[in-house]
Amino acid sequence: QVQLVESGGGLVQPGGSLRLFCVASGSMARIIGMAWYRQAPGKERELVAAISWTGSTMYADSVKERFTISKDNNGNTVYLQMNSLKPEDTALYYCNAEATWGKGTTVTVSS
């Protein structure tokens, strides 16, 4: 069973940057990729970015050119580098691997 723990969230001003971390533990044998989702207050959870173990990535249109998803060589940690943050990026960010979810880390973009 896989466990996911997110960190790196916080309060940042518009235009600022944050780097989120997702550390995976447990059996990763059946995991072929991981993803970041977010859920803003009053809104549905949405896919932000995903990465496969071959290195393929995809991004939501709203974060393209601003966010970058990457992983370490061991595949146990996935990162989300977030630049040029906007107030609309404020949300609880979740890490996902197949059917497993972390508890999330909060990102607040506000002046």
PDB file of N, CA and C in Angstrom:
ATOM      1  N   GLN A   1       0.838  -1.180   0.000  1.00  0.00           N
ATOM      2  CA  GLN A   1       0.000   0.000   0.000  1.00  0.00           C
ATOM      3  C   GLN A   1       0.885   1.247   0.000  1.00  0.00           C
ATOM      4  N   VAL A   2       0.455   2.248  -0.759  1.00  0.00           N
ATOM      5  CA  VAL A   2       1.226   3.475  -0.896  1.00  0.00           C
ATOM      6  C   VAL A   2       0.694   4.534   0.051  1.00  0.00           C
ATOM      7  N   GLN A   3       1.611   5.271   0.654  1.00  0.00           N
ATOM      8  CA  GLN A   3       1.251   6.438   1.456  1.00  0.00           C
ATOM      9  C   GLN A   3       1.892   7.670   0.833  1.00  0.00           C
ATOM     10  N   LEU A   4       1.161   8.769   0.849  1.00  0.00           N
ATOM     11  CA  LEU A   4       1.629  10.018   0.259  1.00  0.00           C
ATOM     12  C   LEU A   4       1.556  11.129   1.295  1.00  0.00           C
ATOM     13  N   VAL A   5       2.621  11.909   1.388  1.00  0.00           N
ATOM     14  CA  VAL A   5       2.653  13.034   2.315  1.00  0.00           C
ATOM     15  C   VAL A   5       3.098  14.275   1.562  1.00  0.00           C
ATOM     16  N   GLU A   6       2.258  15.285   1.568  1.00  0.00           N
ATOM     17  CA  GLU A   6       2.570  16.542   0.898  1.00  0.00           C
ATOM     18  C   GLU A   6       3.128  17.560   1.890  1.00  0.00           C
ATOM     19  N   SER A   7       3.925  18.475   1.360  1.00  0.00           N
ATOM     20  CA  SER A   7       4.426  19.591   2.159  1.00  0.00           C
ATOM     21  C   SER A   7       4.813  20.716   1.215  1.00  0.00           C
ATOM     22  N   GLY A   8       5.130  21.866   1.800  1.00  0.00           N
ATOM     23  CA  GLY A   8       5.617  22.988   1.010  1.00  0.00           C
ATOM     24  C   GLY A   8       4.615  24.096   0.802  1.00  0.00           C
ATOM     25  N   GLY A   9       3.377  23.884   1.212  1.00  0.00           N
ATOM     26  CA  GLY A   9       2.386  24.931   1.047  1.00  0.00           C
ATOM     27  C   GLY A   9       2.635  26.106   1.989  1.00  0.00           C
ATOM     28  N   GLY A  10       1.888  27.169   1.767  1.00  0.00           N
ATOM     29  CA  GLY A  10       2.035  28.341   2.630  1.00  0.00           C
ATOM     30  C   GLY A  10       1.345  29.544   2.039  1.00  0.00           C
ATOM     31  N   LEU A  11       1.643  30.681   2.621  1.00  0.00           N
ATOM     32  CA  LEU A  11       1.094  31.957   2.173  1.00  0.00           C
ATOM     33  C   LEU A  11       2.138  32.681   1.333  1.00  0.00           C
ATOM     34  N   VAL A  12       1.740  33.122   0.159  1.00  0.00           N
ATOM     35  CA  VAL A  12       2.664  33.813  -0.731  1.00  0.00           C
ATOM     36  C   VAL A  12       1.932  34.948  -1.421  1.00  0.00           C
ATOM     37  N   GLN A  13       2.649  35.997  -1.749  1.00  0.00           N
ATOM     38  CA  GLN A  13       2.045  37.127  -2.445  1.00  0.00           C
ATOM     39  C   GLN A  13       1.880  36.816  -3.930  1.00  0.00           C
ATOM     40  N   PRO A  14       0.933  37.470  -4.568  1.00  0.00           N
ATOM     41  CA  PRO A  14       0.792  37.287  -6.026  1.00  0.00           C
ATOM     42  C   PRO A  14       2.114  37.554  -6.732  1.00  0.00           C
ATOM     43  N   GLY A  15       2.407  36.693  -7.687  1.00  0.00           N
ATOM     44  CA  GLY A  15       3.675  36.787  -8.400  1.00  0.00           C
ATOM     45  C   GLY A  15       4.792  35.986  -7.775  1.00  0.00           C
ATOM     46  N   GLY A  16       4.560  35.481  -6.583  1.00  0.00           N
ATOM     47  CA  GLY A  16       5.582  34.717  -5.886  1.00  0.00           C
ATOM     48  C   GLY A  16       5.646  33.267  -6.328  1.00  0.00           C
ATOM     49  N   SER A  17       6.502  32.513  -5.633  1.00  0.00           N
ATOM     50  CA  SER A  17       6.731  31.109  -5.981  1.00  0.00           C
ATOM     51  C   SER A  17       6.651  30.224  -4.744  1.00  0.00           C
ATOM     52  N   LEU A  18       6.287  28.985  -4.972  1.00  0.00           N
ATOM     53  CA  LEU A  18       6.315  27.946  -3.948  1.00  0.00           C
ATOM     54  C   LEU A  18       6.704  26.640  -4.612  1.00  0.00           C
ATOM     55  N   ARG A  19       7.280  25.756  -3.817  1.00  0.00           N
ATOM     56  CA  ARG A  19       7.633  24.420  -4.302  1.00  0.00           C
ATOM     57  C   ARG A  19       6.968  23.409  -3.388  1.00  0.00           C
ATOM     58  N   LEU A  20       6.107  22.606  -3.966  1.00  0.00           N
ATOM     59  CA  LEU A  20       5.433  21.563  -3.206  1.00  0.00           C
ATOM     60  C   LEU A  20       6.171  20.239  -3.347  1.00  0.00           C
ATOM     61  N   PHE A  21       6.103  19.454  -2.287  1.00  0.00           N
ATOM     62  CA  PHE A  21       6.754  18.162  -2.247  1.00  0.00           C
ATOM     63  C   PHE A  21       5.714  17.083  -1.950  1.00  0.00           C
ATOM     64  N   CYS A  22       5.865  15.944  -2.583  1.00  0.00           N
ATOM     65  CA  CYS A  22       5.047  14.782  -2.278  1.00  0.00           C
ATOM     66  C   CYS A  22       5.982  13.592  -2.120  1.00  0.00           C
ATOM     67  N   VAL A  23       6.055  13.085  -0.899  1.00  0.00           N
ATOM     68  CA  VAL A  23       6.908  11.936  -0.621  1.00  0.00           C
ATOM     69  C   VAL A  23       6.049  10.687  -0.552  1.00  0.00           C
ATOM     70  N   ALA A  24       6.411   9.698  -1.355  1.00  0.00           N
ATOM     71  CA  ALA A  24       5.680   8.441  -1.394  1.00  0.00           C
ATOM     72  C   ALA A  24       6.447   7.359  -0.659  1.00  0.00           C
ATOM     73  N   SER A  25       5.716   6.528   0.051  1.00  0.00           N
ATOM     74  CA  SER A  25       6.330   5.389   0.724  1.00  0.00           C
ATOM     75  C   SER A  25       5.428   4.181   0.522  1.00  0.00           C
ATOM     76  N   GLY A  26       5.999   3.008   0.793  1.00  0.00           N
ATOM     77  CA  GLY A  26       5.245   1.788   0.598  1.00  0.00           C
ATOM     78  C   GLY A  26       5.551   1.168  -0.752  1.00  0.00           C
ATOM     79  N   SER A  27       4.694   0.289  -1.184  1.00  0.00           N
ATOM     80  CA  SER A  27       4.914  -0.443  -2.425  1.00  0.00           C
ATOM     81  C   SER A  27       4.546   0.403  -3.637  1.00  0.00           C
ATOM     82  N   MET A  28       5.551   0.780  -4.407  1.00  0.00           N
ATOM     83  CA  MET A  28       5.349   1.622  -5.582  1.00  0.00           C
ATOM     84  C   MET A  28       5.336   0.806  -6.872  1.00  0.00           C
ATOM     85  N   ALA A  29       5.355  -0.532  -6.761  1.00  0.00           N
ATOM     86  CA  ALA A  29       5.526  -1.388  -7.932  1.00  0.00           C
ATOM     87  C   ALA A  29       4.441  -1.175  -8.986  1.00  0.00           C
ATOM     88  N   ARG A  30       3.218  -0.888  -8.552  1.00  0.00           N
ATOM     89  CA  ARG A  30       2.114  -0.759  -9.514  1.00  0.00           C
ATOM     90  C   ARG A  30       1.841   0.678  -9.910  1.00  0.00           C
ATOM     91  N   ILE A  31       2.651   1.606  -9.414  1.00  0.00           N
ATOM     92  CA  ILE A  31       2.437   3.018  -9.708  1.00  0.00           C
ATOM     93  C   ILE A  31       3.162   3.373 -10.996  1.00  0.00           C
ATOM     94  N   ILE A  32       2.439   3.920 -11.964  1.00  0.00           N
ATOM     95  CA  ILE A  32       3.053   4.284 -13.244  1.00  0.00           C
ATOM     96  C   ILE A  32       3.202   5.780 -13.396  1.00  0.00           C
ATOM     97  N   GLY A  33       2.720   6.525 -12.409  1.00  0.00           N
ATOM     98  CA  GLY A  33       2.850   7.972 -12.468  1.00  0.00           C
ATOM     99  C   GLY A  33       2.169   8.595 -11.273  1.00  0.00           C
ATOM    100  N   MET A  34       2.380   9.878 -11.114  1.00  0.00           N
ATOM    101  CA  MET A  34       1.766  10.608 -10.011  1.00  0.00           C
ATOM    102  C   MET A  34       1.257  11.948 -10.508  1.00  0.00           C
ATOM    103  N   ALA A  35       0.421  12.552  -9.699  1.00  0.00           N
ATOM    104  CA  ALA A  35      -0.195  13.803 -10.135  1.00  0.00           C
ATOM    105  C   ALA A  35      -0.456  14.717  -8.954  1.00  0.00           C
ATOM    106  N   TRP A  36      -0.618  15.987  -9.271  1.00  0.00           N
ATOM    107  CA  TRP A  36      -1.073  16.994  -8.313  1.00  0.00           C
ATOM    108  C   TRP A  36      -2.472  17.444  -8.724  1.00  0.00           C
ATOM    109  N   TYR A  37      -3.350  17.480  -7.733  1.00  0.00           N
ATOM    110  CA  TYR A  37      -4.689  18.032  -7.907  1.00  0.00           C
ATOM    111  C   TYR A  37      -4.838  19.196  -6.924  1.00  0.00           C
ATOM    112  N   ARG A  38      -5.852  20.001  -7.130  1.00  0.00           N
ATOM    113  CA  ARG A  38      -6.153  21.054  -6.168  1.00  0.00           C
ATOM    114  C   ARG A  38      -7.658  21.237  -6.060  1.00  0.00           C
ATOM    115  N   GLN A  39      -8.061  21.731  -4.912  1.00  0.00           N
ATOM    116  CA  GLN A  39      -9.473  22.014  -4.683  1.00  0.00           C
ATOM    117  C   GLN A  39      -9.586  23.338  -3.963  1.00  0.00           C
ATOM    118  N   ALA A  40     -10.186  24.286  -4.636  1.00  0.00           N
ATOM    119  CA  ALA A  40     -10.421  25.602  -4.049  1.00  0.00           C
ATOM    120  C   ALA A  40     -11.747  25.583  -3.302  1.00  0.00           C
ATOM    121  N   PRO A  41     -11.917  26.477  -2.341  1.00  0.00           N
ATOM    122  CA  PRO A  41     -13.179  26.518  -1.582  1.00  0.00           C
ATOM    123  C   PRO A  41     -14.377  26.668  -2.511  1.00  0.00           C
ATOM    124  N   GLY A  42     -15.359  25.776  -2.341  1.00  0.00           N
ATOM    125  CA  GLY A  42     -16.572  25.855  -3.132  1.00  0.00           C
ATOM    126  C   GLY A  42     -16.454  25.324  -4.541  1.00  0.00           C
ATOM    127  N   LYS A  43     -15.287  24.755  -4.866  1.00  0.00           N
ATOM    128  CA  LYS A  43     -15.090  24.239  -6.223  1.00  0.00           C
ATOM    129  C   LYS A  43     -14.738  22.760  -6.185  1.00  0.00           C
ATOM    130  N   GLU A  44     -14.851  22.125  -7.342  1.00  0.00           N
ATOM    131  CA  GLU A  44     -14.504  20.717  -7.443  1.00  0.00           C
ATOM    132  C   GLU A  44     -12.990  20.544  -7.530  1.00  0.00           C
ATOM    133  N   ARG A  45     -12.542  19.370  -7.145  1.00  0.00           N
ATOM    134  CA  ARG A  45     -11.124  19.052  -7.271  1.00  0.00           C
ATOM    135  C   ARG A  45     -10.768  18.976  -8.755  1.00  0.00           C
ATOM    136  N   GLU A  46      -9.617  19.537  -9.100  1.00  0.00           N
ATOM    137  CA  GLU A  46      -9.193  19.544 -10.499  1.00  0.00           C
ATOM    138  C   GLU A  46      -7.745  19.095 -10.621  1.00  0.00           C
ATOM    139  N   LEU A  47      -7.455  18.492 -11.756  1.00  0.00           N
ATOM    140  CA  LEU A  47      -6.093  18.051 -12.049  1.00  0.00           C
ATOM    141  C   LEU A  47      -5.237  19.264 -12.392  1.00  0.00           C
ATOM    142  N   VAL A  48      -4.072  19.346 -11.773  1.00  0.00           N
ATOM    143  CA  VAL A  48      -3.149  20.438 -12.029  1.00  0.00           C
ATOM    144  C   VAL A  48      -2.033  19.990 -12.965  1.00  0.00           C
ATOM    145  N   ALA A  49      -1.383  18.895 -12.618  1.00  0.00           N
ATOM    146  CA  ALA A  49      -0.270  18.402 -13.417  1.00  0.00           C
ATOM    147  C   ALA A  49      -0.055  16.932 -13.107  1.00  0.00           C
ATOM    148  N   ALA A  50       0.519  16.225 -14.058  1.00  0.00           N
ATOM    149  CA  ALA A  50       0.798  14.802 -13.872  1.00  0.00           C
ATOM    150  C   ALA A  50       2.112  14.451 -14.533  1.00  0.00           C
ATOM    151  N   ILE A  51       2.755  13.408 -14.002  1.00  0.00           N
ATOM    152  CA  ILE A  51       4.014  12.941 -14.562  1.00  0.00           C
ATOM    153  C   ILE A  51       4.028  11.426 -14.537  1.00  0.00           C
ATOM    154  N   SER A  52       4.492  10.833 -15.631  1.00  0.00           N
ATOM    155  CA  SER A  52       4.634   9.389 -15.678  1.00  0.00           C
ATOM    156  C   SER A  52       6.065   9.027 -15.299  1.00  0.00           C
ATOM    157  N   TRP A  53       6.281   7.782 -15.010  1.00  0.00           N
ATOM    158  CA  TRP A  53       7.632   7.360 -14.636  1.00  0.00           C
ATOM    159  C   TRP A  53       8.576   7.400 -15.840  1.00  0.00           C
ATOM    160  N   THR A  54       8.053   7.529 -17.055  1.00  0.00           N
ATOM    161  CA  THR A  54       8.910   7.701 -18.223  1.00  0.00           C
ATOM    162  C   THR A  54       9.280   9.158 -18.430  1.00  0.00           C
ATOM    163  N   GLY A  55       8.651  10.033 -17.647  1.00  0.00           N
ATOM    164  CA  GLY A  55       8.987  11.445 -17.731  1.00  0.00           C
ATOM    165  C   GLY A  55       7.989  12.298 -18.479  1.00  0.00           C
ATOM    166  N   SER A  56       6.981  11.689 -19.040  1.00  0.00           N
ATOM    167  CA  SER A  56       5.960  12.473 -19.735  1.00  0.00           C
ATOM    168  C   SER A  56       5.187  13.316 -18.729  1.00  0.00           C
ATOM    169  N   THR A  57       4.865  14.530 -19.124  1.00  0.00           N
ATOM    170  CA  THR A  57       4.130  15.426 -18.239  1.00  0.00           C
ATOM    171  C   THR A  57       2.929  16.019 -18.955  1.00  0.00           C
ATOM    172  N   MET A  58       1.969  16.442 -18.165  1.00  0.00           N
ATOM    173  CA  MET A  58       0.836  17.175 -18.685  1.00  0.00           C
ATOM    174  C   MET A  58       0.393  18.200 -17.650  1.00  0.00           C
ATOM    175  N   TYR A  59      -0.217  19.292 -18.138  1.00  0.00           N
ATOM    176  CA  TYR A  59      -0.613  20.385 -17.269  1.00  0.00           C
ATOM    177  C   TYR A  59      -2.014  20.881 -17.624  1.00  0.00           C
ATOM    178  N   ALA A  60      -2.698  21.358 -16.613  1.00  0.00           N
ATOM    179  CA  ALA A  60      -3.947  22.065 -16.874  1.00  0.00           C
ATOM    180  C   ALA A  60      -3.614  23.362 -17.599  1.00  0.00           C
ATOM    181  N   ASP A  61      -4.489  23.798 -18.461  1.00  0.00           N
ATOM    182  CA  ASP A  61      -4.240  25.022 -19.227  1.00  0.00           C
ATOM    183  C   ASP A  61      -3.980  26.218 -18.311  1.00  0.00           C
ATOM    184  N   SER A  62      -4.630  26.232 -17.167  1.00  0.00           N
ATOM    185  CA  SER A  62      -4.530  27.378 -16.268  1.00  0.00           C
ATOM    186  C   SER A  62      -3.161  27.530 -15.614  1.00  0.00           C
ATOM    187  N   VAL A  63      -2.339  26.476 -15.658  1.00  0.00           N
ATOM    188  CA  VAL A  63      -1.035  26.543 -14.997  1.00  0.00           C
ATOM    189  C   VAL A  63       0.125  26.372 -15.956  1.00  0.00           C
ATOM    190  N   LYS A  64      -0.157  26.130 -17.232  1.00  0.00           N
ATOM    191  CA  LYS A  64       0.926  25.952 -18.205  1.00  0.00           C
ATOM    192  C   LYS A  64       1.829  27.179 -18.219  1.00  0.00           C
ATOM    193  N   GLU A  65       3.100  26.940 -18.377  1.00  0.00           N
ATOM    194  CA  GLU A  65       4.135  27.984 -18.412  1.00  0.00           C
ATOM    195  C   GLU A  65       4.418  28.575 -17.038  1.00  0.00           C
ATOM    196  N   ARG A  66       3.654  28.209 -16.023  1.00  0.00           N
ATOM    197  CA  ARG A  66       3.907  28.721 -14.668  1.00  0.00           C
ATOM    198  C   ARG A  66       4.312  27.621 -13.699  1.00  0.00           C
ATOM    199  N   PHE A  67       3.745  26.446 -13.852  1.00  0.00           N
ATOM    200  CA  PHE A  67       4.020  25.325 -12.952  1.00  0.00           C
ATOM    201  C   PHE A  67       4.865  24.273 -13.665  1.00  0.00           C
ATOM    202  N   THR A  68       5.707  23.593 -12.890  1.00  0.00           N
ATOM    203  CA  THR A  68       6.503  22.501 -13.429  1.00  0.00           C
ATOM    204  C   THR A  68       6.458  21.319 -12.475  1.00  0.00           C
ATOM    205  N   ILE A  69       6.085  20.168 -13.000  1.00  0.00           N
ATOM    206  CA  ILE A  69       6.082  18.945 -12.200  1.00  0.00           C
ATOM    207  C   ILE A  69       7.337  18.153 -12.535  1.00  0.00           C
ATOM    208  N   SER A  70       7.930  17.564 -11.513  1.00  0.00           N
ATOM    209  CA  SER A  70       9.133  16.764 -11.725  1.00  0.00           C
ATOM    210  C   SER A  70       9.202  15.697 -10.638  1.00  0.00           C
ATOM    211  N   LYS A  71      10.171  14.796 -10.793  1.00  0.00           N
ATOM    212  CA  LYS A  71      10.321  13.741  -9.808  1.00  0.00           C
ATOM    213  C   LYS A  71      11.789  13.453  -9.594  1.00  0.00           C
ATOM    214  N   ASP A  72      12.096  12.839  -8.474  1.00  0.00           N
ATOM    215  CA  ASP A  72      13.486  12.461  -8.248  1.00  0.00           C
ATOM    216  C   ASP A  72      13.771  11.144  -8.963  1.00  0.00           C
ATOM    217  N   ASN A  73      15.017  10.759  -9.021  1.00  0.00           N
ATOM    218  CA  ASN A  73      15.404   9.570  -9.779  1.00  0.00           C
ATOM    219  C   ASN A  73      14.841   8.285  -9.182  1.00  0.00           C
ATOM    220  N   ASN A  74      14.617   8.300  -7.885  1.00  0.00           N
ATOM    221  CA  ASN A  74      14.078   7.110  -7.239  1.00  0.00           C
ATOM    222  C   ASN A  74      12.575   6.976  -7.430  1.00  0.00           C
ATOM    223  N   GLY A  75      11.941   8.069  -7.863  1.00  0.00           N
ATOM    224  CA  GLY A  75      10.501   8.026  -8.053  1.00  0.00           C
ATOM    225  C   GLY A  75       9.727   8.097  -6.762  1.00  0.00           C
ATOM    226  N   ASN A  76      10.396   8.413  -5.663  1.00  0.00           N
ATOM    227  CA  ASN A  76       9.701   8.482  -4.381  1.00  0.00           C
ATOM    228  C   ASN A  76       9.233   9.879  -4.025  1.00  0.00           C
ATOM    229  N   THR A  77       9.727  10.873  -4.717  1.00  0.00           N
ATOM    230  CA  THR A  77       9.340  12.250  -4.429  1.00  0.00           C
ATOM    231  C   THR A  77       8.960  12.943  -5.722  1.00  0.00           C
ATOM    232  N   VAL A  78       7.829  13.586  -5.689  1.00  0.00           N
ATOM    233  CA  VAL A  78       7.365  14.380  -6.824  1.00  0.00           C
ATOM    234  C   VAL A  78       7.236  15.817  -6.367  1.00  0.00           C
ATOM    235  N   TYR A  79       7.659  16.725  -7.221  1.00  0.00           N
ATOM    236  CA  TYR A  79       7.675  18.133  -6.895  1.00  0.00           C
ATOM    237  C   TYR A  79       6.694  18.890  -7.799  1.00  0.00           C
ATOM    238  N   LEU A  80       6.240  20.011  -7.278  1.00  0.00           N
ATOM    239  CA  LEU A  80       5.476  20.940  -8.103  1.00  0.00           C
ATOM    240  C   LEU A  80       6.026  22.337  -7.856  1.00  0.00           C
ATOM    241  N   GLN A  81       6.777  22.821  -8.827  1.00  0.00           N
ATOM    242  CA  GLN A  81       7.316  24.169  -8.749  1.00  0.00           C
ATOM    243  C   GLN A  81       6.272  25.117  -9.299  1.00  0.00           C
ATOM    244  N   MET A  82       5.865  26.059  -8.478  1.00  0.00           N
ATOM    245  CA  MET A  82       4.796  26.986  -8.866  1.00  0.00           C
ATOM    246  C   MET A  82       5.356  28.399  -8.892  1.00  0.00           C
ATOM    247  N   ASN A  83       5.367  29.007 -10.054  1.00  0.00           N
ATOM    248  CA  ASN A  83       5.858  30.366 -10.226  1.00  0.00           C
ATOM    249  C   ASN A  83       4.720  31.284 -10.674  1.00  0.00           C
ATOM    250  N   SER A  84       4.954  32.566 -10.544  1.00  0.00           N
ATOM    251  CA  SER A  84       3.969  33.566 -10.977  1.00  0.00           C
ATOM    252  C   SER A  84       2.579  33.244 -10.419  1.00  0.00           C
ATOM    253  N   LEU A  85       2.549  32.977  -9.142  1.00  0.00           N
ATOM    254  CA  LEU A  85       1.300  32.554  -8.517  1.00  0.00           C
ATOM    255  C   LEU A  85       0.264  33.668  -8.542  1.00  0.00           C
ATOM    256  N   LYS A  86      -0.986  33.232  -8.687  1.00  0.00           N
ATOM    257  CA  LYS A  86      -2.125  34.147  -8.758  1.00  0.00           C
ATOM    258  C   LYS A  86      -3.091  33.825  -7.621  1.00  0.00           C
ATOM    259  N   PRO A  87      -3.908  34.782  -7.233  1.00  0.00           N
ATOM    260  CA  PRO A  87      -4.897  34.492  -6.178  1.00  0.00           C
ATOM    261  C   PRO A  87      -5.785  33.298  -6.516  1.00  0.00           C
ATOM    262  N   GLU A  88      -6.056  33.085  -7.781  1.00  0.00           N
ATOM    263  CA  GLU A  88      -6.903  31.958  -8.173  1.00  0.00           C
ATOM    264  C   GLU A  88      -6.202  30.611  -8.047  1.00  0.00           C
ATOM    265  N   ASP A  89      -4.920  30.626  -7.717  1.00  0.00           N
ATOM    266  CA  ASP A  89      -4.214  29.375  -7.443  1.00  0.00           C
ATOM    267  C   ASP A  89      -4.414  28.931  -5.994  1.00  0.00           C
ATOM    268  N   THR A  90      -5.046  29.750  -5.195  1.00  0.00           N
ATOM    269  CA  THR A  90      -5.315  29.405  -3.808  1.00  0.00           C
ATOM    270  C   THR A  90      -6.187  28.162  -3.736  1.00  0.00           C
ATOM    271  N   ALA A  91      -5.698  27.155  -3.025  1.00  0.00           N
ATOM    272  CA  ALA A  91      -6.417  25.881  -2.945  1.00  0.00           C
ATOM    273  C   ALA A  91      -5.684  24.939  -2.008  1.00  0.00           C
ATOM    274  N   LEU A  92      -6.333  23.839  -1.730  1.00  0.00           N
ATOM    275  CA  LEU A  92      -5.686  22.713  -1.058  1.00  0.00           C
ATOM    276  C   LEU A  92      -5.152  21.807  -2.154  1.00  0.00           C
ATOM    277  N   TYR A  93      -3.853  21.583  -2.129  1.00  0.00           N
ATOM    278  CA  TYR A  93      -3.188  20.807  -3.176  1.00  0.00           C
ATOM    279  C   TYR A  93      -2.946  19.384  -2.681  1.00  0.00           C
ATOM    280  N   TYR A  94      -3.380  18.446  -3.493  1.00  0.00           N
ATOM    281  CA  TYR A  94      -3.286  17.019  -3.140  1.00  0.00           C
ATOM    282  C   TYR A  94      -2.334  16.301  -4.093  1.00  0.00           C
ATOM    283  N   CYS A  95      -1.610  15.368  -3.540  1.00  0.00           N
ATOM    284  CA  CYS A  95      -0.814  14.456  -4.337  1.00  0.00           C
ATOM    285  C   CYS A  95      -1.615  13.178  -4.565  1.00  0.00           C
ATOM    286  N   ASN A  96      -1.476  12.625  -5.753  1.00  0.00           N
ATOM    287  CA  ASN A  96      -2.239  11.422  -6.114  1.00  0.00           C
ATOM    288  C   ASN A  96      -1.350  10.414  -6.826  1.00  0.00           C
ATOM    289  N   ALA A  97      -1.527   9.155  -6.452  1.00  0.00           N
ATOM    290  CA  ALA A  97      -0.858   8.053  -7.142  1.00  0.00           C
ATOM    291  C   ALA A  97      -1.883   6.933  -7.268  1.00  0.00           C
ATOM    292  N   GLU A  98      -2.373   6.751  -8.484  1.00  0.00           N
ATOM    293  CA  GLU A  98      -3.436   5.764  -8.736  1.00  0.00           C
ATOM    294  C   GLU A  98      -4.634   6.068  -7.840  1.00  0.00           C
ATOM    295  N   ALA A  99      -4.995   5.159  -6.937  1.00  0.00           N
ATOM    296  CA  ALA A  99      -6.173   5.373  -6.096  1.00  0.00           C
ATOM    297  C   ALA A  99      -5.831   5.968  -4.739  1.00  0.00           C
ATOM    298  N   THR A 100      -4.574   6.343  -4.545  1.00  0.00           N
ATOM    299  CA  THR A 100      -4.125   6.842  -3.245  1.00  0.00           C
ATOM    300  C   THR A 100      -4.000   8.365  -3.261  1.00  0.00           C
ATOM    301  N   TRP A 101      -4.456   8.983  -2.188  1.00  0.00           N
ATOM    302  CA  TRP A 101      -4.390  10.430  -2.037  1.00  0.00           C
ATOM    303  C   TRP A 101      -3.680  10.791  -0.750  1.00  0.00           C
ATOM    304  N   GLY A 102      -2.932  11.912  -0.802  1.00  0.00           N
ATOM    305  CA  GLY A 102      -2.408  12.470   0.423  1.00  0.00           C
ATOM    306  C   GLY A 102      -3.470  13.326   1.092  1.00  0.00           C
ATOM    307  N   LYS A 103      -3.099  13.937   2.226  1.00  0.00           N
ATOM    308  CA  LYS A 103      -4.054  14.767   2.961  1.00  0.00           C
ATOM    309  C   LYS A 103      -4.063  16.203   2.464  1.00  0.00           C
ATOM    310  N   GLY A 104      -3.082  16.573   1.679  1.00  0.00           N
ATOM    311  CA  GLY A 104      -3.066  17.893   1.077  1.00  0.00           C
ATOM    312  C   GLY A 104      -2.203  18.897   1.814  1.00  0.00           C
ATOM    313  N   THR A 105      -1.830  19.928   1.090  1.00  0.00           N
ATOM    314  CA  THR A 105      -1.096  21.051   1.652  1.00  0.00           C
ATOM    315  C   THR A 105      -1.727  22.326   1.098  1.00  0.00           C
ATOM    316  N   THR A 106      -1.901  23.301   1.966  1.00  0.00           N
ATOM    317  CA  THR A 106      -2.654  24.501   1.598  1.00  0.00           C
ATOM    318  C   THR A 106      -1.755  25.562   0.984  1.00  0.00           C
ATOM    319  N   VAL A 107      -2.200  26.086  -0.134  1.00  0.00           N
ATOM    320  CA  VAL A 107      -1.521  27.194  -0.795  1.00  0.00           C
ATOM    321  C   VAL A 107      -2.470  28.387  -0.800  1.00  0.00           C
ATOM    322  N   THR A 108      -1.982  29.499  -0.248  1.00  0.00           N
ATOM    323  CA  THR A 108      -2.780  30.724  -0.229  1.00  0.00           C
ATOM    324  C   THR A 108      -1.989  31.825  -0.912  1.00  0.00           C
ATOM    325  N   VAL A 109      -2.579  32.403  -1.939  1.00  0.00           N
ATOM    326  CA  VAL A 109      -1.932  33.487  -2.675  1.00  0.00           C
ATOM    327  C   VAL A 109      -2.727  34.760  -2.404  1.00  0.00           C
ATOM    328  N   SER A 110      -2.108  35.643  -1.661  1.00  0.00           N
ATOM    329  CA  SER A 110      -2.821  36.847  -1.250  1.00  0.00           C
ATOM    330  C   SER A 110      -1.836  37.935  -0.875  1.00  0.00           C
ATOM    331  N   SER A 111      -2.216  39.172  -1.119  1.00  0.00           N
ATOM    332  CA  SER A 111      -1.384  40.291  -0.714  1.00  0.00           C
ATOM    333  C   SER A 111      -1.815  40.805   0.661  1.00  0.00           C
TER     334      SER A 111
END
